[in-house]
Amino acid sequence: MGVYDQISGMVIGRFPRCVGLHEKDSLNMILDVALKGYKFPVITEFDMGHTDPILTIPIGAKVSINASKKNISLLENVTKV
């Protein structure tokens, strides 16, 4: 679909246990295949989405990603007053 050519990084939330990923189909293995040939930071197991604690990142929000620290920072105001 070409989306990997349009992004500078990826943040993936934690999956609930009921998803049932196994060693043979671990998230890292899936990402290795899906992202082959692409070089951008990827954060996994991030506290966002359907987790507790929960963080909501608005679609299209500009963020800075520090993958080694598993940290993101919003670069713009995403609320309207």
PDB file of N, CA and C in Angstrom:
ATOM      1  N   MET A   1       0.817  -1.191   0.000  1.00  0.00           N
ATOM      2  CA  MET A   1       0.000   0.000   0.000  1.00  0.00           C
ATOM      3  C   MET A   1       0.861   1.255   0.000  1.00  0.00           C
ATOM      4  N   GLY A   2       2.162   1.135   0.229  1.00  0.00           N
ATOM      5  CA  GLY A   2       3.045   2.285   0.159  1.00  0.00           C
ATOM      6  C   GLY A   2       3.159   3.110   1.421  1.00  0.00           C
ATOM      7  N   VAL A   3       2.502   2.708   2.497  1.00  0.00           N
ATOM      8  CA  VAL A   3       2.507   3.529   3.709  1.00  0.00           C
ATOM      9  C   VAL A   3       3.908   3.614   4.325  1.00  0.00           C
ATOM     10  N   TYR A   4       4.714   2.570   4.207  1.00  0.00           N
ATOM     11  CA  TYR A   4       6.057   2.599   4.803  1.00  0.00           C
ATOM     12  C   TYR A   4       6.946   3.640   4.140  1.00  0.00           C
ATOM     13  N   ASP A   5       6.633   4.024   2.920  1.00  0.00           N
ATOM     14  CA  ASP A   5       7.397   5.077   2.244  1.00  0.00           C
ATOM     15  C   ASP A   5       6.989   6.462   2.725  1.00  0.00           C
ATOM     16  N   GLN A   6       5.903   6.550   3.467  1.00  0.00           N
ATOM     17  CA  GLN A   6       5.372   7.842   3.898  1.00  0.00           C
ATOM     18  C   GLN A   6       5.589   8.132   5.379  1.00  0.00           C
ATOM     19  N   ILE A   7       6.149   7.176   6.128  1.00  0.00           N
ATOM     20  CA  ILE A   7       6.315   7.374   7.572  1.00  0.00           C
ATOM     21  C   ILE A   7       7.791   7.412   7.941  1.00  0.00           C
ATOM     22  N   SER A   8       8.056   8.000   9.098  1.00  0.00           N
ATOM     23  CA  SER A   8       9.430   8.111   9.601  1.00  0.00           C
ATOM     24  C   SER A   8       9.653   7.251  10.831  1.00  0.00           C
ATOM     25  N   GLY A   9       8.605   6.616  11.327  1.00  0.00           N
ATOM     26  CA  GLY A   9       8.704   5.767  12.504  1.00  0.00           C
ATOM     27  C   GLY A   9       7.382   5.065  12.754  1.00  0.00           C
ATOM     28  N   MET A  10       7.414   4.072  13.652  1.00  0.00           N
ATOM     29  CA  MET A  10       6.216   3.296  13.944  1.00  0.00           C
ATOM     30  C   MET A  10       6.140   3.020  15.438  1.00  0.00           C
ATOM     31  N   VAL A  11       4.954   3.174  16.002  1.00  0.00           N
ATOM     32  CA  VAL A  11       4.706   2.874  17.410  1.00  0.00           C
ATOM     33  C   VAL A  11       3.576   1.847  17.464  1.00  0.00           C
ATOM     34  N   ILE A  12       3.847   0.724  18.137  1.00  0.00           N
ATOM     35  CA  ILE A  12       2.872  -0.361  18.237  1.00  0.00           C
ATOM     36  C   ILE A  12       2.558  -0.586  19.707  1.00  0.00           C
ATOM     37  N   GLY A  13       1.287  -0.601  20.048  1.00  0.00           N
ATOM     38  CA  GLY A  13       0.864  -0.816  21.423  1.00  0.00           C
ATOM     39  C   GLY A  13       1.028  -2.258  21.865  1.00  0.00           C
ATOM     40  N   ARG A  14       0.724  -2.492  23.132  1.00  0.00           N
ATOM     41  CA  ARG A  14       0.776  -3.858  23.672  1.00  0.00           C
ATOM     42  C   ARG A  14      -0.428  -4.638  23.185  1.00  0.00           C
ATOM     43  N   PHE A  15      -0.211  -5.913  22.896  1.00  0.00           N
ATOM     44  CA  PHE A  15      -1.301  -6.793  22.499  1.00  0.00           C
ATOM     45  C   PHE A  15      -1.852  -7.494  23.735  1.00  0.00           C
ATOM     46  N   PRO A  16      -3.169  -7.631  23.819  1.00  0.00           N
ATOM     47  CA  PRO A  16      -3.735  -8.396  24.934  1.00  0.00           C
ATOM     48  C   PRO A  16      -3.291  -9.859  24.836  1.00  0.00           C
ATOM     49  N   ARG A  17      -3.220 -10.525  25.977  1.00  0.00           N
ATOM     50  CA  ARG A  17      -2.811 -11.935  25.993  1.00  0.00           C
ATOM     51  C   ARG A  17      -3.690 -12.801  25.111  1.00  0.00           C
ATOM     52  N   CYS A  18      -4.947 -12.427  24.971  1.00  0.00           N
ATOM     53  CA  CYS A  18      -5.874 -13.247  24.190  1.00  0.00           C
ATOM     54  C   CYS A  18      -5.501 -13.295  22.706  1.00  0.00           C
ATOM     55  N   VAL A  19      -4.622 -12.388  22.248  1.00  0.00           N
ATOM     56  CA  VAL A  19      -4.183 -12.432  20.856  1.00  0.00           C
ATOM     57  C   VAL A  19      -3.441 -13.735  20.601  1.00  0.00           C
ATOM     58  N   GLY A  20      -2.673 -14.195  21.579  1.00  0.00           N
ATOM     59  CA  GLY A  20      -2.041 -15.499  21.509  1.00  0.00           C
ATOM     60  C   GLY A  20      -0.880 -15.624  20.546  1.00  0.00           C
ATOM     61  N   LEU A  21      -0.028 -14.597  20.449  1.00  0.00           N
ATOM     62  CA  LEU A  21       1.169 -14.736  19.625  1.00  0.00           C
ATOM     63  C   LEU A  21       2.072 -15.796  20.235  1.00  0.00           C
ATOM     64  N   HIS A  22       2.617 -16.666  19.400  1.00  0.00           N
ATOM     65  CA  HIS A  22       3.497 -17.732  19.847  1.00  0.00           C
ATOM     66  C   HIS A  22       4.918 -17.467  19.370  1.00  0.00           C
ATOM     67  N   GLU A  23       5.864 -18.253  19.854  1.00  0.00           N
ATOM     68  CA  GLU A  23       7.263 -18.096  19.461  1.00  0.00           C
ATOM     69  C   GLU A  23       7.419 -18.115  17.941  1.00  0.00           C
ATOM     70  N   LYS A  24       6.688 -19.022  17.264  1.00  0.00           N
ATOM     71  CA  LYS A  24       6.837 -19.147  15.813  1.00  0.00           C
ATOM     72  C   LYS A  24       6.246 -17.963  15.050  1.00  0.00           C
ATOM     73  N   ASP A  25       5.394 -17.181  15.681  1.00  0.00           N
ATOM     74  CA  ASP A  25       4.825 -16.012  15.021  1.00  0.00           C
ATOM     75  C   ASP A  25       4.901 -14.784  15.933  1.00  0.00           C
ATOM     76  N   SER A  26       6.044 -14.590  16.563  1.00  0.00           N
ATOM     77  CA  SER A  26       6.208 -13.465  17.483  1.00  0.00           C
ATOM     78  C   SER A  26       6.121 -12.141  16.725  1.00  0.00           C
ATOM     79  N   LEU A  27       5.808 -11.087  17.430  1.00  0.00           N
ATOM     80  CA  LEU A  27       5.704  -9.766  16.826  1.00  0.00           C
ATOM     81  C   LEU A  27       7.008  -9.381  16.150  1.00  0.00           C
ATOM     82  N   ASN A  28       8.138  -9.651  16.797  1.00  0.00           N
ATOM     83  CA  ASN A  28       9.428  -9.301  16.195  1.00  0.00           C
ATOM     84  C   ASN A  28       9.646 -10.031  14.877  1.00  0.00           C
ATOM     85  N   MET A  29       9.256 -11.283  14.802  1.00  0.00           N
ATOM     86  CA  MET A  29       9.406 -12.032  13.553  1.00  0.00           C
ATOM     87  C   MET A  29       8.490 -11.461  12.466  1.00  0.00           C
ATOM     88  N   ILE A  30       7.280 -11.102  12.842  1.00  0.00           N
ATOM     89  CA  ILE A  30       6.346 -10.515  11.885  1.00  0.00           C
ATOM     90  C   ILE A  30       6.886  -9.182  11.373  1.00  0.00           C
ATOM     91  N   LEU A  31       7.413  -8.357  12.283  1.00  0.00           N
ATOM     92  CA  LEU A  31       7.971  -7.068  11.881  1.00  0.00           C
ATOM     93  C   LEU A  31       9.206  -7.231  11.004  1.00  0.00           C
ATOM     94  N   ASP A  32      10.041  -8.213  11.302  1.00  0.00           N
ATOM     95  CA  ASP A  32      11.225  -8.460  10.468  1.00  0.00           C
ATOM     96  C   ASP A  32      10.832  -8.705   9.016  1.00  0.00           C
ATOM     97  N   VAL A  33       9.769  -9.461   8.815  1.00  0.00           N
ATOM     98  CA  VAL A  33       9.304  -9.757   7.456  1.00  0.00           C
ATOM     99  C   VAL A  33       8.620  -8.528   6.844  1.00  0.00           C
ATOM    100  N   ALA A  34       7.706  -7.914   7.599  1.00  0.00           N
ATOM    101  CA  ALA A  34       6.907  -6.805   7.076  1.00  0.00           C
ATOM    102  C   ALA A  34       7.739  -5.558   6.772  1.00  0.00           C
ATOM    103  N   LEU A  35       8.815  -5.344   7.542  1.00  0.00           N
ATOM    104  CA  LEU A  35       9.604  -4.116   7.397  1.00  0.00           C
ATOM    105  C   LEU A  35      10.923  -4.332   6.667  1.00  0.00           C
ATOM    106  N   LYS A  36      11.090  -5.493   6.041  1.00  0.00           N
ATOM    107  CA  LYS A  36      12.339  -5.790   5.347  1.00  0.00           C
ATOM    108  C   LYS A  36      12.625  -4.716   4.292  1.00  0.00           C
ATOM    109  N   GLY A  37      13.823  -4.136   4.367  1.00  0.00           N
ATOM    110  CA  GLY A  37      14.218  -3.101   3.425  1.00  0.00           C
ATOM    111  C   GLY A  37      13.909  -1.688   3.874  1.00  0.00           C
ATOM    112  N   TYR A  38      13.219  -1.532   4.998  1.00  0.00           N
ATOM    113  CA  TYR A  38      12.880  -0.202   5.520  1.00  0.00           C
ATOM    114  C   TYR A  38      13.714   0.086   6.753  1.00  0.00           C
ATOM    115  N   LYS A  39      14.109   1.338   6.906  1.00  0.00           N
ATOM    116  CA  LYS A  39      14.916   1.757   8.050  1.00  0.00           C
ATOM    117  C   LYS A  39      14.243   2.945   8.724  1.00  0.00           C
ATOM    118  N   PHE A  40      13.515   2.687   9.786  1.00  0.00           N
ATOM    119  CA  PHE A  40      12.961   3.745  10.627  1.00  0.00           C
ATOM    120  C   PHE A  40      12.769   3.165  12.021  1.00  0.00           C
ATOM    121  N   PRO A  41      12.730   4.040  13.039  1.00  0.00           N
ATOM    122  CA  PRO A  41      12.584   3.544  14.408  1.00  0.00           C
ATOM    123  C   PRO A  41      11.217   2.906  14.629  1.00  0.00           C
ATOM    124  N   VAL A  42      11.215   1.826  15.410  1.00  0.00           N
ATOM    125  CA  VAL A  42       9.984   1.127  15.758  1.00  0.00           C
ATOM    126  C   VAL A  42       9.961   0.916  17.265  1.00  0.00           C
ATOM    127  N   ILE A  43       8.882   1.335  17.898  1.00  0.00           N
ATOM    128  CA  ILE A  43       8.674   1.089  19.323  1.00  0.00           C
ATOM    129  C   ILE A  43       7.546   0.068  19.443  1.00  0.00           C
ATOM    130  N   THR A  44       7.772  -0.994  20.196  1.00  0.00           N
ATOM    131  CA  THR A  44       6.732  -1.997  20.431  1.00  0.00           C
ATOM    132  C   THR A  44       6.405  -2.041  21.922  1.00  0.00           C
ATOM    133  N   GLU A  45       5.283  -2.676  22.235  1.00  0.00           N
ATOM    134  CA  GLU A  45       4.846  -2.815  23.624  1.00  0.00           C
ATOM    135  C   GLU A  45       4.630  -1.457  24.297  1.00  0.00           C
ATOM    136  N   PHE A  46       4.162  -0.476  23.540  1.00  0.00           N
ATOM    137  CA  PHE A  46       3.949   0.875  24.054  1.00  0.00           C
ATOM    138  C   PHE A  46       2.593   0.949  24.749  1.00  0.00           C
ATOM    139  N   ASP A  47       2.505   1.699  25.843  1.00  0.00           N
ATOM    140  CA  ASP A  47       1.256   1.840  26.600  1.00  0.00           C
ATOM    141  C   ASP A  47       0.288   2.778  25.889  1.00  0.00           C
ATOM    142  N   MET A  48      -0.336   2.272  24.848  1.00  0.00           N
ATOM    143  CA  MET A  48      -1.350   3.030  24.118  1.00  0.00           C
ATOM    144  C   MET A  48      -2.358   2.045  23.564  1.00  0.00           C
ATOM    145  N   GLY A  49      -3.475   2.546  23.156  1.00  0.00           N
ATOM    146  CA  GLY A  49      -4.507   1.675  22.618  1.00  0.00           C
ATOM    147  C   GLY A  49      -5.359   1.115  23.742  1.00  0.00           C
ATOM    148  N   HIS A  50      -5.592  -0.183  23.709  1.00  0.00           N
ATOM    149  CA  HIS A  50      -6.465  -0.832  24.692  1.00  0.00           C
ATOM    150  C   HIS A  50      -5.634  -1.428  25.817  1.00  0.00           C
ATOM    151  N   THR A  51      -4.923  -0.584  26.560  1.00  0.00           N
ATOM    152  CA  THR A  51      -4.052  -1.034  27.643  1.00  0.00           C
ATOM    153  C   THR A  51      -4.344  -0.235  28.900  1.00  0.00           C
ATOM    154  N   ASP A  52      -3.693  -0.600  29.953  1.00  0.00           N
ATOM    155  CA  ASP A  52      -3.783   0.145  31.209  1.00  0.00           C
ATOM    156  C   ASP A  52      -2.373   0.250  31.774  1.00  0.00           C
ATOM    157  N   PRO A  53      -1.755   1.413  31.836  1.00  0.00           N
ATOM    158  CA  PRO A  53      -2.316   2.736  31.523  1.00  0.00           C
ATOM    159  C   PRO A  53      -2.545   2.878  30.018  1.00  0.00           C
ATOM    160  N   ILE A  54      -3.351   3.870  29.679  1.00  0.00           N
ATOM    161  CA  ILE A  54      -3.716   4.068  28.281  1.00  0.00           C
ATOM    162  C   ILE A  54      -3.311   5.468  27.838  1.00  0.00           C
ATOM    163  N   LEU A  55      -2.779   5.559  26.643  1.00  0.00           N
ATOM    164  CA  LEU A  55      -2.429   6.839  26.045  1.00  0.00           C
ATOM    165  C   LEU A  55      -3.085   6.879  24.679  1.00  0.00           C
ATOM    166  N   THR A  56      -3.727   7.970  24.371  1.00  0.00           N
ATOM    167  CA  THR A  56      -4.333   8.134  23.063  1.00  0.00           C
ATOM    168  C   THR A  56      -3.486   9.101  22.259  1.00  0.00           C
ATOM    169  N   ILE A  57      -3.085   8.668  21.083  1.00  0.00           N
ATOM    170  CA  ILE A  57      -2.343   9.526  20.162  1.00  0.00           C
ATOM    171  C   ILE A  57      -3.258   9.777  18.971  1.00  0.00           C
ATOM    172  N   PRO A  58      -3.659  11.017  18.763  1.00  0.00           N
ATOM    173  CA  PRO A  58      -4.556  11.308  17.643  1.00  0.00           C
ATOM    174  C   PRO A  58      -3.925  10.928  16.301  1.00  0.00           C
ATOM    175  N   ILE A  59      -4.720  10.380  15.410  1.00  0.00           N
ATOM    176  CA  ILE A  59      -4.244  10.034  14.074  1.00  0.00           C
ATOM    177  C   ILE A  59      -3.741  11.298  13.393  1.00  0.00           C
ATOM    178  N   GLY A  60      -2.557  11.209  12.840  1.00  0.00           N
ATOM    179  CA  GLY A  60      -1.974  12.334  12.132  1.00  0.00           C
ATOM    180  C   GLY A  60      -1.168  13.275  13.006  1.00  0.00           C
ATOM    181  N   ALA A  61      -1.128  13.039  14.316  1.00  0.00           N
ATOM    182  CA  ALA A  61      -0.350  13.906  15.206  1.00  0.00           C
ATOM    183  C   ALA A  61       1.132  13.757  14.915  1.00  0.00           C
ATOM    184  N   LYS A  62       1.849  14.858  14.925  1.00  0.00           N
ATOM    185  CA  LYS A  62       3.294  14.820  14.717  1.00  0.00           C
ATOM    186  C   LYS A  62       3.967  14.545  16.056  1.00  0.00           C
ATOM    187  N   VAL A  63       4.835  13.535  16.072  1.00  0.00           N
ATOM    188  CA  VAL A  63       5.541  13.152  17.285  1.00  0.00           C
ATOM    189  C   VAL A  63       7.012  12.939  16.987  1.00  0.00           C
ATOM    190  N   SER A  64       7.809  13.007  18.021  1.00  0.00           N
ATOM    191  CA  SER A  64       9.222  12.641  17.958  1.00  0.00           C
ATOM    192  C   SER A  64       9.352  11.283  18.637  1.00  0.00           C
ATOM    193  N   ILE A  65      10.097  10.370  18.018  1.00  0.00           N
ATOM    194  CA  ILE A  65      10.237   9.015  18.536  1.00  0.00           C
ATOM    195  C   ILE A  65      11.677   8.764  18.959  1.00  0.00           C
ATOM    196  N   ASN A  66      11.851   8.276  20.191  1.00  0.00           N
ATOM    197  CA  ASN A  66      13.151   7.806  20.660  1.00  0.00           C
ATOM    198  C   ASN A  66      12.984   6.312  20.938  1.00  0.00           C
ATOM    199  N   ALA A  67      13.325   5.486  19.956  1.00  0.00           N
ATOM    200  CA  ALA A  67      13.080   4.044  20.061  1.00  0.00           C
ATOM    201  C   ALA A  67      13.937   3.394  21.138  1.00  0.00           C
ATOM    202  N   SER A  68      15.153   3.882  21.349  1.00  0.00           N
ATOM    203  CA  SER A  68      16.018   3.255  22.356  1.00  0.00           C
ATOM    204  C   SER A  68      15.474   3.463  23.767  1.00  0.00           C
ATOM    205  N   LYS A  69      14.800   4.582  24.012  1.00  0.00           N
ATOM    206  CA  LYS A  69      14.204   4.851  25.322  1.00  0.00           C
ATOM    207  C   LYS A  69      12.723   4.496  25.367  1.00  0.00           C
ATOM    208  N   LYS A  70      12.159   4.030  24.231  1.00  0.00           N
ATOM    209  CA  LYS A  70      10.722   3.747  24.116  1.00  0.00           C
ATOM    210  C   LYS A  70       9.909   4.947  24.570  1.00  0.00           C
ATOM    211  N   ASN A  71      10.213   6.096  23.961  1.00  0.00           N
ATOM    212  CA  ASN A  71       9.615   7.353  24.366  1.00  0.00           C
ATOM    213  C   ASN A  71       9.122   8.098  23.136  1.00  0.00           C
ATOM    214  N   ILE A  72       7.964   8.731  23.253  1.00  0.00           N
ATOM    215  CA  ILE A  72       7.493   9.635  22.196  1.00  0.00           C
ATOM    216  C   ILE A  72       7.121  10.965  22.828  1.00  0.00           C
ATOM    217  N   SER A  73       7.250  12.013  22.043  1.00  0.00           N
ATOM    218  CA  SER A  73       6.873  13.368  22.481  1.00  0.00           C
ATOM    219  C   SER A  73       5.992  13.992  21.419  1.00  0.00           C
ATOM    220  N   LEU A  74       4.862  14.544  21.838  1.00  0.00           N
ATOM    221  CA  LEU A  74       3.999  15.271  20.898  1.00  0.00           C
ATOM    222  C   LEU A  74       4.697  16.543  20.484  1.00  0.00           C
ATOM    223  N   LEU A  75       4.682  16.857  19.198  1.00  0.00           N
ATOM    224  CA  LEU A  75       5.343  18.042  18.682  1.00  0.00           C
ATOM    225  C   LEU A  75       4.366  19.167  18.363  1.00  0.00           C
ATOM    226  N   GLU A  76       3.095  18.930  18.618  1.00  0.00           N
ATOM    227  CA  GLU A  76       2.094  19.951  18.329  1.00  0.00           C
ATOM    228  C   GLU A  76       0.931  19.814  19.304  1.00  0.00           C
ATOM    229  N   ASN A  77       0.172  20.893  19.425  1.00  0.00           N
ATOM    230  CA  ASN A  77      -1.021  20.869  20.259  1.00  0.00           C
ATOM    231  C   ASN A  77      -2.093  20.075  19.506  1.00  0.00           C
ATOM    232  N   VAL A  78      -2.616  19.043  20.129  1.00  0.00           N
ATOM    233  CA  VAL A  78      -3.590  18.191  19.447  1.00  0.00           C
ATOM    234  C   VAL A  78      -5.006  18.376  19.969  1.00  0.00           C
ATOM    235  N   THR A  79      -5.197  19.351  20.843  1.00  0.00           N
ATOM    236  CA  THR A  79      -6.541  19.633  21.350  1.00  0.00           C
ATOM    237  C   THR A  79      -6.990  20.997  20.851  1.00  0.00           C
ATOM    238  N   LYS A  80      -8.278  21.145  20.703  1.00  0.00           N
ATOM    239  CA  LYS A  80      -8.846  22.436  20.315  1.00  0.00           C
ATOM    240  C   LYS A  80      -9.629  22.988  21.477  1.00  0.00           C
ATOM    241  N   VAL A  81      -9.479  24.259  21.710  1.00  0.00           N
ATOM    242  CA  VAL A  81     -10.156  24.916  22.823  1.00  0.00           C
ATOM    243  C   VAL A  81     -11.369  25.638  22.322  1.00  0.00           C
TER     244      VAL A  81
END
